[in-house]
């Protein structure tokens, strides 16, 4: 039997229906040595999920579990028991630090299957639940579990608090109905360094709740709330969504990445955000994304005035779908901004990014995550196949081919 630390079966389109299917896949593996398990892009039924859970329980060294997109084509009767078996088993892996369950259509019906793991495993540092169709009800279930996790971590680790560093929970229709609880989650896990909660249907009440929670995250490095709404009330309010976001930015002097594109900031809100950047230096802030934010020449003038003193590392500025992007008159501040950032080796986007740009950003995003996490051992590559591993050998390719065998998934 081979000694493999990395098991990589990503995107094989395997249809694992039975316990035997799973046993065949793992037949030459020393389970006790496995540190990284990548099964994304395959499909796992109830019986196979139960067997996989049994095998995971024999992986005490497991640190990384990439399990995105593993229930395609499965019926609603199959999904809860499969996910329960897998998640309950992961709870027994003491060294687990990274969990990715994205692109699985859980909905609120399957969310309870995640609760024991999310509430009970205080060692997880990276949690990705992107595009799971949770909705407000499922969002509340997950958020309540993470609140319990924070309470348990406080008892276990004392002043050190929660170990959770990265939360990615976008495209889930969380909406304002679960935003208050999510704000409490962010406040309770005060050591968070990356929060990516894009396209969740948050309106202004939701943004206010989330931003208030973020105000407690003292070491925030990466913030993305793209496709939320920081302004939708009529009438006057003393504190708008953008006011609280500006407070978060002002306090978060370790920020490296800020994405507030398509958050309906309005010209006034954009002024607040830029002013927050001017009040305290942000020496590590490399990327600011403010697409479709009603920016105009007055905003570019203010940005230019703080570029050298407050934003010395800024290398990516995305201001597509704003005003005054083509002006050429003397003293044009945008032109000066472009020249300065290009001299730094960076780029100013005044048109919507291409698919290639988006892919590149995603890759940079994944690379950044590595420095937020403390692994027991990390000579392997989270995204590639470096280190001793299985997944690219001819034998495994043949096995994958045999098991997918032309089946339509």
Protein backbone atom coordinates (compact mmCIF):
# COMPACT_ATOMS: atom_id res chain seq x y z
CA UNK A 1 0.00 0.00 0.00
CA UNK A 2 1.27 3.44 -0.91
CA UNK A 3 1.82 6.25 1.57
CA UNK A 4 -0.02 9.27 0.17
CA UNK A 5 -0.64 12.51 2.01
CA UNK A 6 -2.65 14.22 -0.74
CA UNK A 7 -5.66 12.53 -2.32
CA UNK A 8 -6.73 14.46 -5.39
CA UNK A 9 -9.79 13.19 -7.26
CA UNK A 10 -11.07 16.61 -8.35
CA UNK A 11 -13.38 16.92 -11.36
CA UNK A 12 -13.21 13.23 -12.33
CA UNK A 13 -17.00 13.16 -12.80
CA UNK A 14 -17.11 10.01 -10.72
CA UNK A 15 -20.56 8.73 -9.82
CA UNK A 16 -20.07 7.12 -6.44
CA UNK A 17 -23.28 5.24 -5.62
CA UNK A 18 -22.27 2.34 -3.40
CA UNK A 19 -19.94 1.65 -0.50
CA UNK A 20 -17.90 -0.54 -2.84
CA UNK A 21 -17.41 2.38 -5.25
CA UNK A 22 -15.77 4.32 -2.43
CA UNK A 23 -13.71 1.38 -1.20
CA UNK A 24 -12.39 0.82 -4.73
CA UNK A 25 -11.33 4.47 -4.97
CA UNK A 26 -9.40 4.33 -1.68
CA UNK A 27 -8.15 0.77 -1.91
CA UNK A 28 -4.40 1.57 -2.04
CA UNK A 29 -4.42 4.42 0.46
CA UNK A 30 -2.98 4.48 3.98
CA UNK A 31 -5.83 6.44 5.50
CA UNK A 32 -3.94 7.41 8.65
CA UNK A 33 -1.47 9.40 6.55
CA UNK A 34 -3.97 11.45 4.53
CA UNK A 35 -3.68 15.21 5.13
CA UNK A 36 -5.49 16.64 2.10
CA UNK A 37 -8.67 15.23 0.53
CA UNK A 38 -9.98 16.73 -2.72
CA UNK A 39 -13.21 15.24 -4.04
CA UNK A 40 -14.77 18.31 -5.67
CA UNK A 41 -16.55 17.82 -8.97
CA UNK A 42 -17.78 14.26 -8.38
CA UNK A 43 -21.20 13.06 -7.18
CA UNK A 44 -21.78 11.06 -4.00
CA UNK A 45 -24.93 9.13 -3.09
CA UNK A 46 -26.23 8.16 0.35
CA UNK A 47 -24.53 4.76 0.62
CA UNK A 48 -21.28 6.12 -0.78
CA UNK A 49 -21.45 9.08 1.60
CA UNK A 50 -21.85 6.76 4.56
CA UNK A 51 -18.81 4.72 3.50
CA UNK A 52 -16.78 7.86 2.85
CA UNK A 53 -17.64 8.97 6.37
CA UNK A 54 -16.32 5.69 7.75
CA UNK A 55 -13.05 6.17 5.86
CA UNK A 56 -12.71 9.81 6.96
CA UNK A 57 -12.96 8.65 10.58
CA UNK A 58 -9.72 6.76 9.91
CA UNK A 59 -7.93 9.96 8.77
CA UNK A 60 -6.73 11.57 12.03
CA UNK A 61 -4.16 13.65 10.14
CA UNK A 62 -6.69 15.25 7.77
CA UNK A 63 -6.22 19.02 7.56
CA UNK A 64 -7.94 20.03 4.30
CA UNK A 65 -11.27 18.78 2.93
CA UNK A 66 -12.30 20.15 -0.47
CA UNK A 67 -15.82 18.84 -1.02
CA UNK A 68 -17.44 21.37 -3.32
CA UNK A 69 -19.92 20.22 -5.99
CA UNK A 70 -20.37 16.64 -4.70
CA UNK A 71 -24.16 16.19 -4.91
CA UNK A 72 -24.95 16.99 -8.55
CA UNK A 73 -27.84 14.83 -9.86
CA UNK A 74 -28.66 13.51 -6.40
CA UNK A 75 -32.24 13.45 -5.10
CA UNK A 76 -33.27 15.28 -1.98
CA UNK A 77 -33.67 11.90 -0.27
CA UNK A 78 -30.00 11.07 -0.92
CA UNK A 79 -28.38 14.35 0.00
CA UNK A 80 -29.09 14.78 3.76
CA UNK A 81 -27.80 11.33 4.81
CA UNK A 82 -24.72 11.63 2.57
CA UNK A 83 -23.83 15.08 3.91
CA UNK A 84 -24.58 14.06 7.52
CA UNK A 85 -22.29 11.04 7.26
CA UNK A 86 -19.45 13.10 5.82
CA UNK A 87 -19.78 16.08 8.18
CA UNK A 88 -20.20 13.96 11.31
CA UNK A 89 -17.01 12.11 10.34
CA UNK A 90 -15.10 15.36 9.78
CA UNK A 91 -15.96 16.35 13.33
CA UNK A 92 -13.71 13.49 14.48
CA UNK A 93 -10.68 14.87 12.57
CA UNK A 94 -8.87 16.97 15.20
CA UNK A 95 -6.42 18.61 12.77
CA UNK A 96 -8.99 19.80 10.22
CA UNK A 97 -8.37 23.47 9.42
CA UNK A 98 -9.94 24.01 5.99
CA UNK A 99 -13.40 22.97 4.79
CA UNK A 100 -14.93 23.79 1.41
CA UNK A 101 -18.55 22.73 0.82
CA UNK A 102 -19.32 25.29 -1.88
CA UNK A 103 -21.50 24.69 -4.95
CA UNK A 104 -23.66 22.10 -3.22
CA UNK A 105 -27.36 22.94 -3.44
CA UNK A 106 -28.15 22.31 0.22
CA UNK A 107 -30.95 24.77 0.72
CA UNK A 108 -32.48 25.17 4.17
CA UNK A 109 -33.54 21.50 4.22
CA UNK A 110 -29.98 20.17 4.35
CA UNK A 111 -28.53 22.97 6.50
CA UNK A 112 -29.24 21.11 9.80
CA UNK A 113 -26.85 18.34 8.65
CA UNK A 114 -24.01 20.88 8.88
CA UNK A 115 -24.80 21.96 12.44
CA UNK A 116 -22.84 19.39 14.51
CA UNK A 117 -19.65 20.05 12.52
CA UNK A 118 -19.96 23.84 12.31
CA UNK A 119 -20.88 24.22 15.97
CA UNK A 120 -18.53 21.60 17.36
CA UNK A 121 -15.21 21.79 15.48
CA UNK A 122 -13.29 24.74 16.90
CA UNK A 123 -10.12 24.07 14.91
CA UNK A 124 -11.50 25.10 11.52
CA UNK A 125 -9.75 28.20 10.22
CA UNK A 126 -11.13 28.37 6.66
CA UNK A 127 -14.83 27.83 5.96
CA UNK A 128 -16.28 28.08 2.46
CA UNK A 129 -20.01 27.82 1.96
CA UNK A 130 -20.46 29.56 -1.36
CA UNK A 131 -23.48 29.04 -3.62
CA UNK A 132 -25.37 26.61 -1.41
CA UNK A 133 -28.86 28.09 -1.83
CA UNK A 134 -29.24 28.49 1.92
CA UNK A 135 -31.76 31.33 1.84
CA UNK A 136 -32.64 33.27 5.00
CA UNK A 137 -33.78 30.16 6.92
CA UNK A 138 -30.71 28.09 6.06
CA UNK A 139 -28.57 31.15 6.72
CA UNK A 140 -29.97 31.43 10.24
CA UNK A 141 -29.31 27.73 10.89
CA UNK A 142 -25.68 28.02 9.78
CA UNK A 143 -25.14 31.32 11.60
CA UNK A 144 -26.57 29.89 14.85
CA UNK A 145 -24.16 26.96 14.59
CA UNK A 146 -21.22 29.30 14.10
CA UNK A 147 -22.30 31.35 17.12
CA UNK A 148 -22.24 28.16 19.19
CA UNK A 149 -18.78 27.48 17.74
CA UNK A 150 -17.54 30.87 18.96
CA UNK A 151 -18.90 30.23 22.46
CA UNK A 152 -17.22 26.84 22.57
CA UNK A 153 -13.93 28.34 21.31
CA UNK A 154 -14.08 30.98 24.06
CA UNK A 155 -14.27 28.22 26.67
CA UNK A 156 -11.51 26.17 25.04
CA UNK A 157 -9.05 28.90 24.14
CA UNK A 158 -9.87 31.71 26.54
CA UNK A 159 -8.69 35.19 25.53
CA UNK A 160 -7.20 33.80 22.32
CA UNK A 161 -10.73 33.19 21.09
CA UNK A 162 -11.91 31.64 17.85
CA UNK A 163 -9.47 30.16 15.36
CA UNK A 164 -11.72 30.96 12.39
CA UNK A 165 -9.84 33.23 9.99
CA UNK A 166 -11.64 32.97 6.63
CA UNK A 167 -15.39 32.92 5.94
CA UNK A 168 -16.67 32.73 2.37
CA UNK A 169 -20.46 32.63 2.22
CA UNK A 170 -21.74 34.25 -0.97
CA UNK A 171 -24.48 33.63 -3.50
CA UNK A 172 -26.70 32.19 -0.79
CA UNK A 173 -29.66 34.61 -0.72
CA UNK A 174 -29.03 35.16 2.99
CA UNK A 175 -30.95 38.45 2.80
CA UNK A 176 -31.78 40.74 5.69
CA UNK A 177 -33.71 37.91 7.36
CA UNK A 178 -30.47 36.27 8.50
CA UNK A 179 -28.16 39.31 8.47
CA UNK A 180 -28.59 40.15 12.15
CA UNK A 181 -27.37 36.69 13.16
CA UNK A 182 -24.50 36.87 10.69
CA UNK A 183 -23.48 40.20 12.20
CA UNK A 184 -23.35 38.48 15.58
CA UNK A 185 -21.24 35.68 14.07
CA UNK A 186 -18.71 38.15 12.69
CA UNK A 187 -18.53 39.97 16.02
CA UNK A 188 -18.06 36.70 17.93
CA UNK A 189 -15.31 35.43 15.63
CA UNK A 190 -13.27 38.58 16.14
CA UNK A 191 -10.07 37.05 14.70
CA UNK A 192 -11.48 36.86 11.17
CA UNK A 193 -9.11 38.16 8.53
CA UNK A 194 -11.09 37.44 5.38
CA UNK A 195 -14.84 37.88 4.93
CA UNK A 196 -16.35 37.36 1.50
CA UNK A 197 -20.15 37.59 1.47
CA UNK A 198 -21.08 38.64 -2.05
CA UNK A 199 -24.45 38.57 -3.81
CA UNK A 200 -26.57 37.66 -0.80
CA UNK A 201 -29.42 40.09 -1.33
CA UNK A 202 -28.47 42.23 1.67
CA UNK A 203 -30.28 45.55 1.64
CA UNK A 204 -29.38 48.45 3.90
CA UNK A 205 -30.56 46.85 7.16
CA UNK A 206 -28.55 43.76 6.27
CA UNK A 207 -25.43 45.77 5.41
CA UNK A 208 -25.75 47.67 8.69
CA UNK A 209 -25.95 44.42 10.67
CA UNK A 210 -23.02 42.80 8.88
CA UNK A 211 -20.87 45.93 9.07
CA UNK A 212 -21.53 46.32 12.81
CA UNK A 213 -20.27 42.78 13.28
CA UNK A 214 -17.19 43.48 11.20
CA UNK A 215 -16.37 46.42 13.46
CA UNK A 216 -15.20 43.85 16.03
CA UNK A 217 -12.78 42.13 13.65
CA UNK A 218 -9.57 43.84 14.72
CA UNK A 219 -7.32 42.24 12.08
CA UNK A 220 -9.49 42.32 8.95
CA UNK A 221 -7.41 41.97 5.79
CA UNK A 222 -9.87 41.06 3.03
CA UNK A 223 -13.45 42.35 2.74
CA UNK A 224 -15.86 41.73 -0.12
CA UNK A 225 -19.55 42.65 0.11
CA UNK A 226 -20.10 43.03 -3.64
CA UNK A 227 -23.71 43.15 -4.85
CA UNK A 228 -25.23 44.34 -1.59
CA UNK A 229 -27.21 47.53 -1.03
CA UNK A 230 -25.72 50.14 1.27
CA UNK A 231 -28.55 52.60 0.62
CA UNK A 232 -32.24 51.94 0.09
CA UNK A 233 -34.26 53.70 2.81
CA UNK A 234 -36.33 56.72 2.00
CA UNK A 235 -36.13 59.68 4.33
CA UNK A 236 -33.29 60.38 6.72
CA UNK A 237 -31.39 58.14 9.07
CA UNK A 238 -28.51 59.15 11.26
CA UNK A 239 -26.44 56.10 10.25
CA UNK A 240 -26.58 54.82 6.69
CA UNK A 241 -25.07 51.56 5.50
CA UNK A 242 -22.08 53.37 4.06
CA UNK A 243 -21.41 55.19 7.35
CA UNK A 244 -20.88 51.90 9.17
CA UNK A 245 -18.84 50.47 6.28
CA UNK A 246 -16.67 53.60 6.44
CA UNK A 247 -16.16 53.02 10.17
CA UNK A 248 -15.00 49.45 9.46
CA UNK A 249 -12.55 50.65 6.81
CA UNK A 250 -11.17 53.41 9.02
CA UNK A 251 -10.46 50.93 11.83
CA UNK A 252 -9.13 48.17 9.56
CA UNK A 253 -5.68 49.55 8.89
CA UNK A 254 -4.39 46.08 7.92
CA UNK A 255 -6.76 45.83 4.95
CA UNK A 256 -5.22 44.36 1.81
CA UNK A 257 -8.31 43.91 -0.37
CA UNK A 258 -11.57 45.89 -0.43
CA UNK A 259 -14.48 45.10 -2.76
CA UNK A 260 -17.60 47.25 -2.46
CA UNK A 261 -18.61 47.14 -6.12
CA UNK A 262 -22.33 47.32 -6.90
CA UNK A 263 -23.30 48.21 -3.35
CA UNK A 264 -25.39 51.25 -4.32
CA UNK A 265 -23.11 53.62 -2.47
CA UNK A 266 -24.28 56.76 -4.32
CA UNK A 267 -21.96 59.76 -4.69
CA UNK A 268 -22.37 60.65 -1.01
CA UNK A 269 -21.59 57.14 0.14
CA UNK A 270 -18.53 56.94 -2.11
CA UNK A 271 -17.28 60.17 -0.56
CA UNK A 272 -17.64 58.62 2.90
CA UNK A 273 -15.68 55.52 1.85
CA UNK A 274 -12.85 57.52 0.29
CA UNK A 275 -12.74 59.84 3.30
CA UNK A 276 -12.39 56.82 5.61
CA UNK A 277 -9.34 55.79 3.60
CA UNK A 278 -7.86 59.25 4.05
CA UNK A 279 -8.28 59.40 7.83
CA UNK A 280 -5.84 56.57 8.61
CA UNK A 281 -3.02 55.08 6.51
CA UNK A 282 -3.70 51.71 4.87
CA UNK A 283 -0.13 50.72 4.01
CA UNK A 284 -0.98 47.18 2.84
CA UNK A 285 -4.12 47.88 0.81
CA UNK A 286 -3.36 46.52 -2.66
CA UNK A 287 -6.80 46.33 -4.31
CA UNK A 288 -9.88 48.56 -4.18
CA UNK A 289 -12.94 47.63 -6.24
CA UNK A 290 -15.63 50.29 -6.56
CA UNK A 291 -17.48 49.45 -9.76
CA UNK A 292 -20.79 51.23 -10.33
CA UNK A 293 -20.47 53.55 -7.31
CA UNK A 294 -21.35 56.99 -8.73
CA UNK A 295 -17.71 58.11 -8.62
CA UNK A 296 -16.88 61.35 -10.45
CA UNK A 297 -13.97 63.76 -10.86
CA UNK A 298 -14.29 65.05 -7.29
CA UNK A 299 -13.80 61.51 -6.00
CA UNK A 300 -10.82 60.92 -8.28
CA UNK A 301 -9.31 64.18 -7.00
CA UNK A 302 -9.61 62.99 -3.41
CA UNK A 303 -8.19 59.57 -4.27
CA UNK A 304 -5.24 61.20 -6.00
CA UNK A 305 -4.53 63.34 -2.95
CA UNK A 306 -4.15 60.29 -0.68
CA UNK A 307 -2.53 57.88 -3.10
CA UNK A 308 1.05 58.53 -2.00
CA UNK A 309 0.52 59.06 1.72
CA UNK A 310 -2.38 56.78 2.64
CA UNK A 311 -2.39 54.11 -0.09
CA UNK A 312 1.27 53.47 -0.95
CA UNK A 313 0.68 49.81 -1.94
CA UNK A 314 -2.43 50.25 -4.09
CA UNK A 315 -1.90 48.33 -7.34
CA UNK A 316 -5.42 47.42 -8.48
CA UNK A 317 -8.21 49.98 -8.74
CA UNK A 318 -11.49 48.96 -10.38
CA UNK A 319 -13.75 51.91 -11.12
CA UNK A 320 -15.70 50.62 -14.13
CA UNK A 321 -19.28 51.87 -14.68
CA UNK A 322 -18.64 55.21 -12.99
CA UNK A 323 -18.72 58.78 -14.27
CA UNK A 324 -16.07 61.00 -15.92
CA UNK A 325 -13.87 58.08 -16.99
CA UNK A 326 -13.07 59.50 -20.42
CA UNK A 327 -12.37 63.12 -19.51
CA UNK A 328 -9.11 64.47 -20.98
CA UNK A 329 -8.95 68.06 -19.70
CA UNK A 330 -5.83 69.48 -18.07
CA UNK A 331 -5.36 68.48 -14.48
CA UNK A 332 -7.35 65.27 -14.91
CA UNK A 333 -6.87 63.41 -11.63
CA UNK A 334 -7.85 60.03 -13.02
CA UNK A 335 -5.06 60.23 -15.58
CA UNK A 336 -2.57 60.89 -12.78
CA UNK A 337 -3.94 57.96 -10.76
CA UNK A 338 -3.53 55.63 -13.74
CA UNK A 339 0.06 56.78 -14.30
CA UNK A 340 1.03 56.30 -10.65
CA UNK A 341 -0.55 52.84 -10.32
CA UNK A 342 0.95 51.67 -13.61
CA UNK A 343 4.37 52.87 -12.38
CA UNK A 344 3.81 50.52 -9.42
CA UNK A 345 3.22 47.67 -11.86
CA UNK A 346 -0.54 47.70 -11.27
CA UNK A 347 -3.66 48.48 -13.27
CA UNK A 348 -6.70 50.74 -13.17
CA UNK A 349 -9.81 49.10 -14.63
CA UNK A 350 -12.16 51.60 -16.27
CA UNK A 351 -14.01 48.92 -18.21
CA UNK A 352 -15.73 45.85 -16.81
CA UNK A 353 -13.14 43.14 -16.14
CA UNK A 354 -12.93 40.32 -18.65
CA UNK A 355 -13.44 36.67 -17.76
CA UNK A 356 -9.65 36.33 -17.85
CA UNK A 357 -9.31 39.15 -15.31
CA UNK A 358 -11.87 37.44 -13.07
CA UNK A 359 -10.02 34.12 -13.23
CA UNK A 360 -6.76 35.87 -12.38
CA UNK A 361 -8.41 37.60 -9.41
CA UNK A 362 -9.80 34.31 -8.15
CA UNK A 363 -6.34 32.78 -8.29
CA UNK A 364 -4.79 35.72 -6.44
CA UNK A 365 -7.63 35.43 -3.92
CA UNK A 366 -6.78 31.77 -3.24
CA UNK A 367 -3.08 32.56 -2.93
CA UNK A 368 -3.81 35.24 -0.33
CA UNK A 369 -5.72 32.78 1.83
CA UNK A 370 -2.61 30.73 2.49
CA UNK A 371 -1.13 33.34 4.77
CA UNK A 372 -4.28 33.47 6.90
CA UNK A 373 -4.00 29.81 7.89
CA UNK A 374 -1.69 27.86 10.18
CA UNK A 375 -1.29 24.26 9.07
CA UNK A 376 0.43 21.56 11.07
CA UNK A 377 2.45 20.89 7.93
CA UNK A 378 2.12 22.53 4.53
CA UNK A 379 4.78 21.34 2.10
CA UNK A 380 1.93 20.29 -0.20
CA UNK A 381 0.19 22.77 -2.49
CA UNK A 382 -3.47 23.45 -1.71
CA UNK A 383 -4.39 24.15 -5.31
CA UNK A 384 -1.93 21.98 -7.19
CA UNK A 385 -0.53 18.51 -6.82
CA UNK A 386 2.79 19.20 -5.14
CA UNK A 387 4.06 16.89 -2.45
CA UNK A 388 3.50 13.17 -2.12
CA UNK A 389 0.04 12.56 -3.46
CA UNK A 390 -2.34 10.47 -5.48
CA UNK A 391 -4.59 11.73 -8.22
CA UNK A 392 -2.52 12.12 -11.36
CA UNK A 393 -1.01 8.67 -11.79
CA UNK A 394 -1.98 6.42 -14.70
CA UNK A 395 -3.54 3.89 -12.32
CA UNK A 396 -5.82 6.49 -10.77
CA UNK A 397 -6.71 7.91 -14.17
CA UNK A 398 -7.72 4.42 -15.32
CA UNK A 399 -9.78 3.86 -12.18
CA UNK A 400 -11.54 7.20 -12.58
CA UNK A 401 -12.23 6.47 -16.24
CA UNK A 402 -13.67 3.06 -15.38
CA UNK A 403 -15.90 4.45 -12.62
CA UNK A 404 -17.22 7.41 -14.61
CA UNK A 405 -17.54 5.03 -17.60
CA UNK A 406 -19.61 7.27 -19.83
CA UNK A 407 -22.27 7.76 -17.17
CA UNK A 408 -24.29 10.88 -17.65
CA UNK A 409 -24.12 12.93 -14.49
